[in-house]
Amino acid sequence: MKIVETKHHIGDEKKHALRILNEDKFDTIHLHLKKGETLTKHHAKCDVLIIVRTGKVVFYFDQEKVTLTNEEVLHMDPYEDHSVEAIEETDFLIVKVK
C-alpha cells in the first residue's frame, strides 16, 4: 500500500507537474494548471486516463473538443494527439497505463 499526497492548492506556482507514482504497470502524474494555461499538442505512447479533481479543462483533438470536469474520466488511446487548455484553475491526475 502507498499513500501519496497531492495538494489541490499550489499558490502562485504555474503549470505544476509532479510524477507521483512510477510503477511497472502504470505511471501517475499530478498536474495543476491556472486558468488560461495551456499544454501544446503532444501524445503518449500508451493508454492514458485523465481524472479531473477540481476545475474545468478542455482537451483539443484533431476534429473534436472535449470539456472535462470532476464528473468525467477521459481515456485516450496511444499516440492520440491532443492539446490542453484550463478553462478554470484545474487540478487533475494523468494515469499512463504501461
PDB file of N, CA and C in Angstrom:
ATOM      1  N   MET A   1       0.844  -1.175   0.000  1.00  0.00           N
ATOM      2  CA  MET A   1       0.000   0.000   0.000  1.00  0.00           C
ATOM      3  C   MET A   1       0.890   1.240   0.000  1.00  0.00           C
ATOM      4  N   LYS A   2       0.456   2.261  -0.744  1.00  0.00           N
ATOM      5  CA  LYS A   2       1.130   3.552  -0.766  1.00  0.00           C
ATOM      6  C   LYS A   2       0.094   4.654  -0.690  1.00  0.00           C
ATOM      7  N   ILE A   3       0.404   5.678   0.060  1.00  0.00           N
ATOM      8  CA  ILE A   3      -0.418   6.882   0.087  1.00  0.00           C
ATOM      9  C   ILE A   3       0.479   8.019  -0.375  1.00  0.00           C
ATOM     10  N   VAL A   4       0.012   8.783  -1.369  1.00  0.00           N
ATOM     11  CA  VAL A   4       0.794   9.874  -1.931  1.00  0.00           C
ATOM     12  C   VAL A   4      -0.013  11.158  -1.793  1.00  0.00           C
ATOM     13  N   GLU A   5       0.598  12.180  -1.221  1.00  0.00           N
ATOM     14  CA  GLU A   5      -0.080  13.465  -1.053  1.00  0.00           C
ATOM     15  C   GLU A   5      -0.087  14.230  -2.376  1.00  0.00           C
ATOM     16  N   THR A   6      -1.237  14.757  -2.741  1.00  0.00           N
ATOM     17  CA  THR A   6      -1.370  15.598  -3.930  1.00  0.00           C
ATOM     18  C   THR A   6      -2.199  16.816  -3.534  1.00  0.00           C
ATOM     19  N   LYS A   7      -1.539  17.931  -3.394  1.00  0.00           N
ATOM     20  CA  LYS A   7      -2.193  19.147  -2.922  1.00  0.00           C
ATOM     21  C   LYS A   7      -3.056  19.771  -4.024  1.00  0.00           C
ATOM     22  N   HIS A   8      -4.248  20.249  -3.627  1.00  0.00           N
ATOM     23  CA  HIS A   8      -5.120  20.956  -4.565  1.00  0.00           C
ATOM     24  C   HIS A   8      -4.656  22.383  -4.777  1.00  0.00           C
ATOM     25  N   HIS A   9      -4.121  23.007  -3.757  1.00  0.00           N
ATOM     26  CA  HIS A   9      -3.734  24.419  -3.837  1.00  0.00           C
ATOM     27  C   HIS A   9      -2.223  24.513  -4.002  1.00  0.00           C
ATOM     28  N   ILE A  10      -1.771  25.192  -5.065  1.00  0.00           N
ATOM     29  CA  ILE A  10      -0.336  25.305  -5.331  1.00  0.00           C
ATOM     30  C   ILE A  10       0.156  26.742  -5.234  1.00  0.00           C
ATOM     31  N   GLY A  11      -0.690  27.644  -4.735  1.00  0.00           N
ATOM     32  CA  GLY A  11      -0.283  29.041  -4.590  1.00  0.00           C
ATOM     33  C   GLY A  11      -0.126  29.715  -5.939  1.00  0.00           C
ATOM     34  N   ASP A  12       0.942  30.486  -6.100  1.00  0.00           N
ATOM     35  CA  ASP A  12       1.169  31.235  -7.338  1.00  0.00           C
ATOM     36  C   ASP A  12       1.915  30.432  -8.389  1.00  0.00           C
ATOM     37  N   GLU A  13       2.321  29.221  -8.057  1.00  0.00           N
ATOM     38  CA  GLU A  13       3.071  28.389  -8.999  1.00  0.00           C
ATOM     39  C   GLU A  13       2.239  28.136 -10.259  1.00  0.00           C
ATOM     40  N   LYS A  14       2.915  28.095 -11.399  1.00  0.00           N
ATOM     41  CA  LYS A  14       2.219  27.856 -12.664  1.00  0.00           C
ATOM     42  C   LYS A  14       2.615  26.499 -13.225  1.00  0.00           C
ATOM     43  N   LYS A  15       1.699  25.873 -13.946  1.00  0.00           N
ATOM     44  CA  LYS A  15       1.928  24.581 -14.600  1.00  0.00           C
ATOM     45  C   LYS A  15       2.687  23.606 -13.709  1.00  0.00           C
ATOM     46  N   HIS A  16       2.127  23.384 -12.562  1.00  0.00           N
ATOM     47  CA  HIS A  16       2.708  22.437 -11.615  1.00  0.00           C
ATOM     48  C   HIS A  16       2.520  21.018 -12.141  1.00  0.00           C
ATOM     49  N   ALA A  17       3.602  20.292 -12.321  1.00  0.00           N
ATOM     50  CA  ALA A  17       3.536  18.894 -12.752  1.00  0.00           C
ATOM     51  C   ALA A  17       4.503  18.095 -11.893  1.00  0.00           C
ATOM     52  N   LEU A  18       4.016  16.978 -11.355  1.00  0.00           N
ATOM     53  CA  LEU A  18       4.841  16.156 -10.492  1.00  0.00           C
ATOM     54  C   LEU A  18       4.489  14.685 -10.688  1.00  0.00           C
ATOM     55  N   ARG A  19       5.477  13.876 -11.033  1.00  0.00           N
ATOM     56  CA  ARG A  19       5.257  12.434 -11.124  1.00  0.00           C
ATOM     57  C   ARG A  19       5.113  11.923  -9.693  1.00  0.00           C
ATOM     58  N   ILE A  20       3.963  11.320  -9.386  1.00  0.00           N
ATOM     59  CA  ILE A  20       3.717  10.883  -8.012  1.00  0.00           C
ATOM     60  C   ILE A  20       3.876   9.382  -7.845  1.00  0.00           C
ATOM     61  N   LEU A  21       3.672   8.620  -8.901  1.00  0.00           N
ATOM     62  CA  LEU A  21       3.889   7.175  -8.861  1.00  0.00           C
ATOM     63  C   LEU A  21       4.441   6.718 -10.204  1.00  0.00           C
ATOM     64  N   ASN A  22       5.474   5.908 -10.166  1.00  0.00           N
ATOM     65  CA  ASN A  22       6.028   5.335 -11.392  1.00  0.00           C
ATOM     66  C   ASN A  22       6.249   3.857 -11.124  1.00  0.00           C
ATOM     67  N   GLU A  23       5.290   3.064 -11.530  1.00  0.00           N
ATOM     68  CA  GLU A  23       5.291   1.626 -11.254  1.00  0.00           C
ATOM     69  C   GLU A  23       5.459   0.847 -12.556  1.00  0.00           C
ATOM     70  N   ASP A  24       5.617  -0.470 -12.445  1.00  0.00           N
ATOM     71  CA  ASP A  24       5.783  -1.314 -13.626  1.00  0.00           C
ATOM     72  C   ASP A  24       4.585  -1.237 -14.572  1.00  0.00           C
ATOM     73  N   LYS A  25       3.374  -1.162 -14.020  1.00  0.00           N
ATOM     74  CA  LYS A  25       2.161  -1.224 -14.833  1.00  0.00           C
ATOM     75  C   LYS A  25       1.547   0.129 -15.149  1.00  0.00           C
ATOM     76  N   PHE A  26       1.946   1.177 -14.411  1.00  0.00           N
ATOM     77  CA  PHE A  26       1.365   2.489 -14.646  1.00  0.00           C
ATOM     78  C   PHE A  26       2.288   3.585 -14.146  1.00  0.00           C
ATOM     79  N   ASP A  27       2.038   4.788 -14.626  1.00  0.00           N
ATOM     80  CA  ASP A  27       2.761   5.988 -14.228  1.00  0.00           C
ATOM     81  C   ASP A  27       1.696   7.034 -13.930  1.00  0.00           C
ATOM     82  N   THR A  28       1.793   7.737 -12.807  1.00  0.00           N
ATOM     83  CA  THR A  28       0.785   8.731 -12.447  1.00  0.00           C
ATOM     84  C   THR A  28       1.441  10.088 -12.242  1.00  0.00           C
ATOM     85  N   ILE A  29       0.863  11.100 -12.894  1.00  0.00           N
ATOM     86  CA  ILE A  29       1.376  12.459 -12.827  1.00  0.00           C
ATOM     87  C   ILE A  29       0.276  13.374 -12.298  1.00  0.00           C
ATOM     88  N   HIS A  30       0.628  14.206 -11.335  1.00  0.00           N
ATOM     89  CA  HIS A  30      -0.293  15.208 -10.806  1.00  0.00           C
ATOM     90  C   HIS A  30      -0.018  16.501 -11.566  1.00  0.00           C
ATOM     91  N   LEU A  31      -1.045  17.071 -12.188  1.00  0.00           N
ATOM     92  CA  LEU A  31      -0.888  18.296 -12.973  1.00  0.00           C
ATOM     93  C   LEU A  31      -1.882  19.339 -12.486  1.00  0.00           C
ATOM     94  N   HIS A  32      -1.405  20.559 -12.333  1.00  0.00           N
ATOM     95  CA  HIS A  32      -2.252  21.666 -11.892  1.00  0.00           C
ATOM     96  C   HIS A  32      -1.996  22.839 -12.831  1.00  0.00           C
ATOM     97  N   LEU A  33      -3.059  23.328 -13.474  1.00  0.00           N
ATOM     98  CA  LEU A  33      -2.956  24.457 -14.401  1.00  0.00           C
ATOM     99  C   LEU A  33      -3.806  25.609 -13.890  1.00  0.00           C
ATOM    100  N   LYS A  34      -3.283  26.807 -13.983  1.00  0.00           N
ATOM    101  CA  LYS A  34      -4.060  28.008 -13.679  1.00  0.00           C
ATOM    102  C   LYS A  34      -4.979  28.309 -14.865  1.00  0.00           C
ATOM    103  N   LYS A  35      -6.037  29.067 -14.637  1.00  0.00           N
ATOM    104  CA  LYS A  35      -6.972  29.446 -15.703  1.00  0.00           C
ATOM    105  C   LYS A  35      -6.209  30.057 -16.874  1.00  0.00           C
ATOM    106  N   GLY A  36      -6.483  29.550 -18.083  1.00  0.00           N
ATOM    107  CA  GLY A  36      -5.868  30.066 -19.298  1.00  0.00           C
ATOM    108  C   GLY A  36      -4.556  29.395 -19.684  1.00  0.00           C
ATOM    109  N   GLU A  37      -3.956  28.640 -18.791  1.00  0.00           N
ATOM    110  CA  GLU A  37      -2.705  27.959 -19.133  1.00  0.00           C
ATOM    111  C   GLU A  37      -2.978  26.818 -20.108  1.00  0.00           C
ATOM    112  N   THR A  38      -1.993  26.535 -20.946  1.00  0.00           N
ATOM    113  CA  THR A  38      -2.159  25.516 -21.983  1.00  0.00           C
ATOM    114  C   THR A  38      -0.977  24.553 -22.009  1.00  0.00           C
ATOM    115  N   LEU A  39      -1.219  23.420 -22.622  1.00  0.00           N
ATOM    116  CA  LEU A  39      -0.177  22.462 -22.974  1.00  0.00           C
ATOM    117  C   LEU A  39      -0.268  22.288 -24.481  1.00  0.00           C
ATOM    118  N   THR A  40       0.841  22.417 -25.176  1.00  0.00           N
ATOM    119  CA  THR A  40       0.834  22.315 -26.631  1.00  0.00           C
ATOM    120  C   THR A  40       0.591  20.882 -27.075  1.00  0.00           C
ATOM    121  N   LYS A  41       0.317  20.724 -28.353  1.00  0.00           N
ATOM    122  CA  LYS A  41      -0.019  19.432 -28.944  1.00  0.00           C
ATOM    123  C   LYS A  41       1.067  18.403 -28.643  1.00  0.00           C
ATOM    124  N   HIS A  42       0.626  17.237 -28.176  1.00  0.00           N
ATOM    125  CA  HIS A  42       1.533  16.157 -27.831  1.00  0.00           C
ATOM    126  C   HIS A  42       0.745  14.847 -27.806  1.00  0.00           C
ATOM    127  N   HIS A  43       1.432  13.738 -27.510  1.00  0.00           N
ATOM    128  CA  HIS A  43       0.765  12.441 -27.368  1.00  0.00           C
ATOM    129  C   HIS A  43       1.584  11.572 -26.420  1.00  0.00           C
ATOM    130  N   ALA A  44       0.981  10.478 -26.002  1.00  0.00           N
ATOM    131  CA  ALA A  44       1.662   9.478 -25.174  1.00  0.00           C
ATOM    132  C   ALA A  44       1.742   8.188 -25.973  1.00  0.00           C
ATOM    133  N   LYS A  45       2.721   7.366 -25.642  1.00  0.00           N
ATOM    134  CA  LYS A  45       2.916   6.095 -26.352  1.00  0.00           C
ATOM    135  C   LYS A  45       2.069   4.961 -25.778  1.00  0.00           C
ATOM    136  N   CYS A  46       1.218   5.281 -24.809  1.00  0.00           N
ATOM    137  CA  CYS A  46       0.420   4.260 -24.137  1.00  0.00           C
ATOM    138  C   CYS A  46      -0.995   4.783 -23.895  1.00  0.00           C
ATOM    139  N   ASP A  47      -1.862   3.916 -23.396  1.00  0.00           N
ATOM    140  CA  ASP A  47      -3.200   4.348 -22.982  1.00  0.00           C
ATOM    141  C   ASP A  47      -3.061   5.323 -21.819  1.00  0.00           C
ATOM    142  N   VAL A  48      -3.955   6.330 -21.788  1.00  0.00           N
ATOM    143  CA  VAL A  48      -3.906   7.356 -20.753  1.00  0.00           C
ATOM    144  C   VAL A  48      -5.307   7.602 -20.200  1.00  0.00           C
ATOM    145  N   LEU A  49      -5.394   7.762 -18.879  1.00  0.00           N
ATOM    146  CA  LEU A  49      -6.634   8.172 -18.226  1.00  0.00           C
ATOM    147  C   LEU A  49      -6.413   9.552 -17.627  1.00  0.00           C
ATOM    148  N   ILE A  50      -7.384  10.453 -17.819  1.00  0.00           N
ATOM    149  CA  ILE A  50      -7.355  11.788 -17.236  1.00  0.00           C
ATOM    150  C   ILE A  50      -8.477  11.859 -16.208  1.00  0.00           C
ATOM    151  N   ILE A  51      -8.111  12.188 -14.968  1.00  0.00           N
ATOM    152  CA  ILE A  51      -9.076  12.264 -13.873  1.00  0.00           C
ATOM    153  C   ILE A  51      -9.001  13.666 -13.276  1.00  0.00           C
ATOM    154  N   VAL A  52     -10.016  14.476 -13.543  1.00  0.00           N
ATOM    155  CA  VAL A  52     -10.067  15.842 -13.027  1.00  0.00           C
ATOM    156  C   VAL A  52     -10.567  15.793 -11.588  1.00  0.00           C
ATOM    157  N   ARG A  53      -9.824  16.463 -10.720  1.00  0.00           N
ATOM    158  CA  ARG A  53     -10.228  16.514  -9.305  1.00  0.00           C
ATOM    159  C   ARG A  53     -10.976  17.802  -9.008  1.00  0.00           C
ATOM    160  N   THR A  54     -10.485  18.915  -9.535  1.00  0.00           N
ATOM    161  CA  THR A  54     -11.184  20.199  -9.382  1.00  0.00           C
ATOM    162  C   THR A  54     -10.984  21.007 -10.656  1.00  0.00           C
ATOM    163  N   GLY A  55     -11.955  21.870 -10.957  1.00  0.00           N
ATOM    164  CA  GLY A  55     -11.835  22.762 -12.095  1.00  0.00           C
ATOM    165  C   GLY A  55     -12.439  22.224 -13.376  1.00  0.00           C
ATOM    166  N   LYS A  56     -12.039  22.866 -14.490  1.00  0.00           N
ATOM    167  CA  LYS A  56     -12.565  22.513 -15.807  1.00  0.00           C
ATOM    168  C   LYS A  56     -11.454  22.702 -16.826  1.00  0.00           C
ATOM    169  N   VAL A  57     -11.258  21.714 -17.678  1.00  0.00           N
ATOM    170  CA  VAL A  57     -10.190  21.732 -18.669  1.00  0.00           C
ATOM    171  C   VAL A  57     -10.735  21.237 -20.003  1.00  0.00           C
ATOM    172  N   VAL A  58     -10.165  21.754 -21.101  1.00  0.00           N
ATOM    173  CA  VAL A  58     -10.582  21.332 -22.440  1.00  0.00           C
ATOM    174  C   VAL A  58      -9.419  20.623 -23.110  1.00  0.00           C
ATOM    175  N   PHE A  59      -9.714  19.451 -23.674  1.00  0.00           N
ATOM    176  CA  PHE A  59      -8.749  18.711 -24.489  1.00  0.00           C
ATOM    177  C   PHE A  59      -9.159  18.892 -25.944  1.00  0.00           C
ATOM    178  N   TYR A  60      -8.219  19.298 -26.769  1.00  0.00           N
ATOM    179  CA  TYR A  60      -8.465  19.502 -28.191  1.00  0.00           C
ATOM    180  C   TYR A  60      -7.807  18.366 -28.968  1.00  0.00           C
ATOM    181  N   PHE A  61      -8.617  17.674 -29.741  1.00  0.00           N
ATOM    182  CA  PHE A  61      -8.151  16.620 -30.631  1.00  0.00           C
ATOM    183  C   PHE A  61      -8.281  17.138 -32.055  1.00  0.00           C
ATOM    184  N   ASP A  62      -7.841  16.385 -33.038  1.00  0.00           N
ATOM    185  CA  ASP A  62      -7.875  16.862 -34.420  1.00  0.00           C
ATOM    186  C   ASP A  62      -9.242  17.410 -34.824  1.00  0.00           C
ATOM    187  N   GLN A  63     -10.296  16.667 -34.593  1.00  0.00           N
ATOM    188  CA  GLN A  63     -11.632  17.075 -35.033  1.00  0.00           C
ATOM    189  C   GLN A  63     -12.617  17.246 -33.883  1.00  0.00           C
ATOM    190  N   GLU A  64     -12.129  17.202 -32.646  1.00  0.00           N
ATOM    191  CA  GLU A  64     -13.050  17.195 -31.518  1.00  0.00           C
ATOM    192  C   GLU A  64     -12.494  17.994 -30.347  1.00  0.00           C
ATOM    193  N   LYS A  65     -13.418  18.559 -29.581  1.00  0.00           N
ATOM    194  CA  LYS A  65     -13.098  19.320 -28.371  1.00  0.00           C
ATOM    195  C   LYS A  65     -13.850  18.654 -27.222  1.00  0.00           C
ATOM    196  N   VAL A  66     -13.131  18.290 -26.153  1.00  0.00           N
ATOM    197  CA  VAL A  66     -13.745  17.599 -25.017  1.00  0.00           C
ATOM    198  C   VAL A  66     -13.505  18.418 -23.755  1.00  0.00           C
ATOM    199  N   THR A  67     -14.595  18.829 -23.095  1.00  0.00           N
ATOM    200  CA  THR A  67     -14.507  19.564 -21.840  1.00  0.00           C
ATOM    201  C   THR A  67     -14.688  18.585 -20.691  1.00  0.00           C
ATOM    202  N   LEU A  68     -13.749  18.627 -19.741  1.00  0.00           N
ATOM    203  CA  LEU A  68     -13.791  17.702 -18.605  1.00  0.00           C
ATOM    204  C   LEU A  68     -13.937  18.439 -17.288  1.00  0.00           C
ATOM    205  N   THR A  69     -14.710  17.859 -16.392  1.00  0.00           N
ATOM    206  CA  THR A  69     -14.812  18.291 -15.001  1.00  0.00           C
ATOM    207  C   THR A  69     -14.586  17.053 -14.140  1.00  0.00           C
ATOM    208  N   ASN A  70     -14.860  17.174 -12.861  1.00  0.00           N
ATOM    209  CA  ASN A  70     -14.715  16.010 -11.985  1.00  0.00           C
ATOM    210  C   ASN A  70     -15.857  15.002 -12.140  1.00  0.00           C
ATOM    211  N   GLU A  71     -16.715  15.199 -13.117  1.00  0.00           N
ATOM    212  CA  GLU A  71     -17.812  14.267 -13.363  1.00  0.00           C
ATOM    213  C   GLU A  71     -17.532  13.314 -14.520  1.00  0.00           C
ATOM    214  N   GLU A  72     -16.345  13.447 -15.150  1.00  0.00           N
ATOM    215  CA  GLU A  72     -15.989  12.567 -16.269  1.00  0.00           C
ATOM    216  C   GLU A  72     -14.552  12.071 -16.086  1.00  0.00           C
ATOM    217  N   VAL A  73     -14.272  10.959 -16.738  1.00  0.00           N
ATOM    218  CA  VAL A  73     -12.905  10.444 -16.869  1.00  0.00           C
ATOM    219  C   VAL A  73     -12.653  10.274 -18.365  1.00  0.00           C
ATOM    220  N   LEU A  74     -11.522  10.772 -18.832  1.00  0.00           N
ATOM    221  CA  LEU A  74     -11.176  10.671 -20.252  1.00  0.00           C
ATOM    222  C   LEU A  74     -10.172   9.543 -20.451  1.00  0.00           C
ATOM    223  N   HIS A  75     -10.442   8.680 -21.427  1.00  0.00           N
ATOM    224  CA  HIS A  75      -9.487   7.648 -21.842  1.00  0.00           C
ATOM    225  C   HIS A  75      -8.970   8.023 -23.227  1.00  0.00           C
ATOM    226  N   MET A  76      -7.638   8.039 -23.381  1.00  0.00           N
ATOM    227  CA  MET A  76      -7.034   8.312 -24.684  1.00  0.00           C
ATOM    228  C   MET A  76      -6.223   7.096 -25.116  1.00  0.00           C
ATOM    229  N   ASP A  77      -6.311   6.791 -26.400  1.00  0.00           N
ATOM    230  CA  ASP A  77      -5.543   5.691 -26.978  1.00  0.00           C
ATOM    231  C   ASP A  77      -4.091   6.116 -27.186  1.00  0.00           C
ATOM    232  N   PRO A  78      -3.186   5.154 -27.329  1.00  0.00           N
ATOM    233  CA  PRO A  78      -1.793   5.500 -27.618  1.00  0.00           C
ATOM    234  C   PRO A  78      -1.687   6.363 -28.880  1.00  0.00           C
ATOM    235  N   TYR A  79      -0.768   7.316 -28.856  1.00  0.00           N
ATOM    236  CA  TYR A  79      -0.444   8.205 -29.976  1.00  0.00           C
ATOM    237  C   TYR A  79      -1.586   9.116 -30.400  1.00  0.00           C
ATOM    238  N   GLU A  80      -2.558   9.343 -29.543  1.00  0.00           N
ATOM    239  CA  GLU A  80      -3.678  10.238 -29.857  1.00  0.00           C
ATOM    240  C   GLU A  80      -3.236  11.684 -29.573  1.00  0.00           C
ATOM    241  N   ASP A  81      -2.995  12.454 -30.640  1.00  0.00           N
ATOM    242  CA  ASP A  81      -2.538  13.840 -30.496  1.00  0.00           C
ATOM    243  C   ASP A  81      -3.609  14.695 -29.834  1.00  0.00           C
ATOM    244  N   HIS A  82      -3.168  15.562 -28.915  1.00  0.00           N
ATOM    245  CA  HIS A  82      -4.096  16.460 -28.231  1.00  0.00           C
ATOM    246  C   HIS A  82      -3.327  17.634 -27.647  1.00  0.00           C
ATOM    247  N   SER A  83      -4.054  18.709 -27.380  1.00  0.00           N
ATOM    248  CA  SER A  83      -3.537  19.842 -26.615  1.00  0.00           C
ATOM    249  C   SER A  83      -4.547  20.108 -25.505  1.00  0.00           C
ATOM    250  N   VAL A  84      -4.159  20.968 -24.546  1.00  0.00           N
ATOM    251  CA  VAL A  84      -4.970  21.154 -23.347  1.00  0.00           C
ATOM    252  C   VAL A  84      -5.040  22.634 -22.995  1.00  0.00           C
ATOM    253  N   GLU A  85      -6.222  23.076 -22.522  1.00  0.00           N
ATOM    254  CA  GLU A  85      -6.388  24.439 -22.031  1.00  0.00           C
ATOM    255  C   GLU A  85      -7.234  24.421 -20.760  1.00  0.00           C
ATOM    256  N   ALA A  86      -6.769  25.100 -19.728  1.00  0.00           N
ATOM    257  CA  ALA A  86      -7.530  25.191 -18.476  1.00  0.00           C
ATOM    258  C   ALA A  86      -8.561  26.315 -18.597  1.00  0.00           C
ATOM    259  N   ILE A  87      -9.828  25.978 -18.510  1.00  0.00           N
ATOM    260  CA  ILE A  87     -10.918  26.953 -18.553  1.00  0.00           C
ATOM    261  C   ILE A  87     -11.056  27.610 -17.179  1.00  0.00           C
ATOM    262  N   GLU A  88     -10.789  26.836 -16.141  1.00  0.00           N
ATOM    263  CA  GLU A  88     -10.731  27.299 -14.760  1.00  0.00           C
ATOM    264  C   GLU A  88      -9.422  26.762 -14.183  1.00  0.00           C
ATOM    265  N   GLU A  89      -9.037  27.236 -13.025  1.00  0.00           N
ATOM    266  CA  GLU A  89      -7.902  26.610 -12.359  1.00  0.00           C
ATOM    267  C   GLU A  89      -8.260  25.143 -12.170  1.00  0.00           C
ATOM    268  N   THR A  90      -7.391  24.257 -12.630  1.00  0.00           N
ATOM    269  CA  THR A  90      -7.737  22.838 -12.716  1.00  0.00           C
ATOM    270  C   THR A  90      -6.636  21.978 -12.130  1.00  0.00           C
ATOM    271  N   ASP A  91      -7.053  20.980 -11.373  1.00  0.00           N
ATOM    272  CA  ASP A  91      -6.167  20.020 -10.749  1.00  0.00           C
ATOM    273  C   ASP A  91      -6.575  18.639 -11.254  1.00  0.00           C
ATOM    274  N   PHE A  92      -5.653  17.920 -11.905  1.00  0.00           N
ATOM    275  CA  PHE A  92      -6.018  16.599 -12.409  1.00  0.00           C
ATOM    276  C   PHE A  92      -4.860  15.613 -12.358  1.00  0.00           C
ATOM    277  N   LEU A  93      -5.226  14.345 -12.495  1.00  0.00           N
ATOM    278  CA  LEU A  93      -4.274  13.256 -12.495  1.00  0.00           C
ATOM    279  C   LEU A  93      -4.207  12.659 -13.894  1.00  0.00           C
ATOM    280  N   ILE A  94      -3.009  12.334 -14.314  1.00  0.00           N
ATOM    281  CA  ILE A  94      -2.772  11.645 -15.589  1.00  0.00           C
ATOM    282  C   ILE A  94      -2.237  10.263 -15.233  1.00  0.00           C
ATOM    283  N   VAL A  95      -2.950   9.229 -15.659  1.00  0.00           N
ATOM    284  CA  VAL A  95      -2.514   7.862 -15.395  1.00  0.00           C
ATOM    285  C   VAL A  95      -2.146   7.228 -16.732  1.00  0.00           C
ATOM    286  N   LYS A  96      -0.874   6.925 -16.901  1.00  0.00           N
ATOM    287  CA  LYS A  96      -0.382   6.264 -18.110  1.00  0.00           C
ATOM    288  C   LYS A  96      -0.295   4.770 -17.833  1.00  0.00           C
ATOM    289  N   VAL A  97      -1.047   3.992 -18.602  1.00  0.00           N
ATOM    290  CA  VAL A  97      -1.081   2.541 -18.427  1.00  0.00           C
ATOM    291  C   VAL A  97      -0.016   1.937 -19.314  1.00  0.00           C
ATOM    292  N   LYS A  98       0.947   1.268 -18.700  1.00  0.00           N
ATOM    293  CA  LYS A  98       2.084   0.706 -19.461  1.00  0.00           C
ATOM    294  C   LYS A  98       1.772  -0.666 -20.002  1.00  0.00           C
TER     295      LYS A  98
END
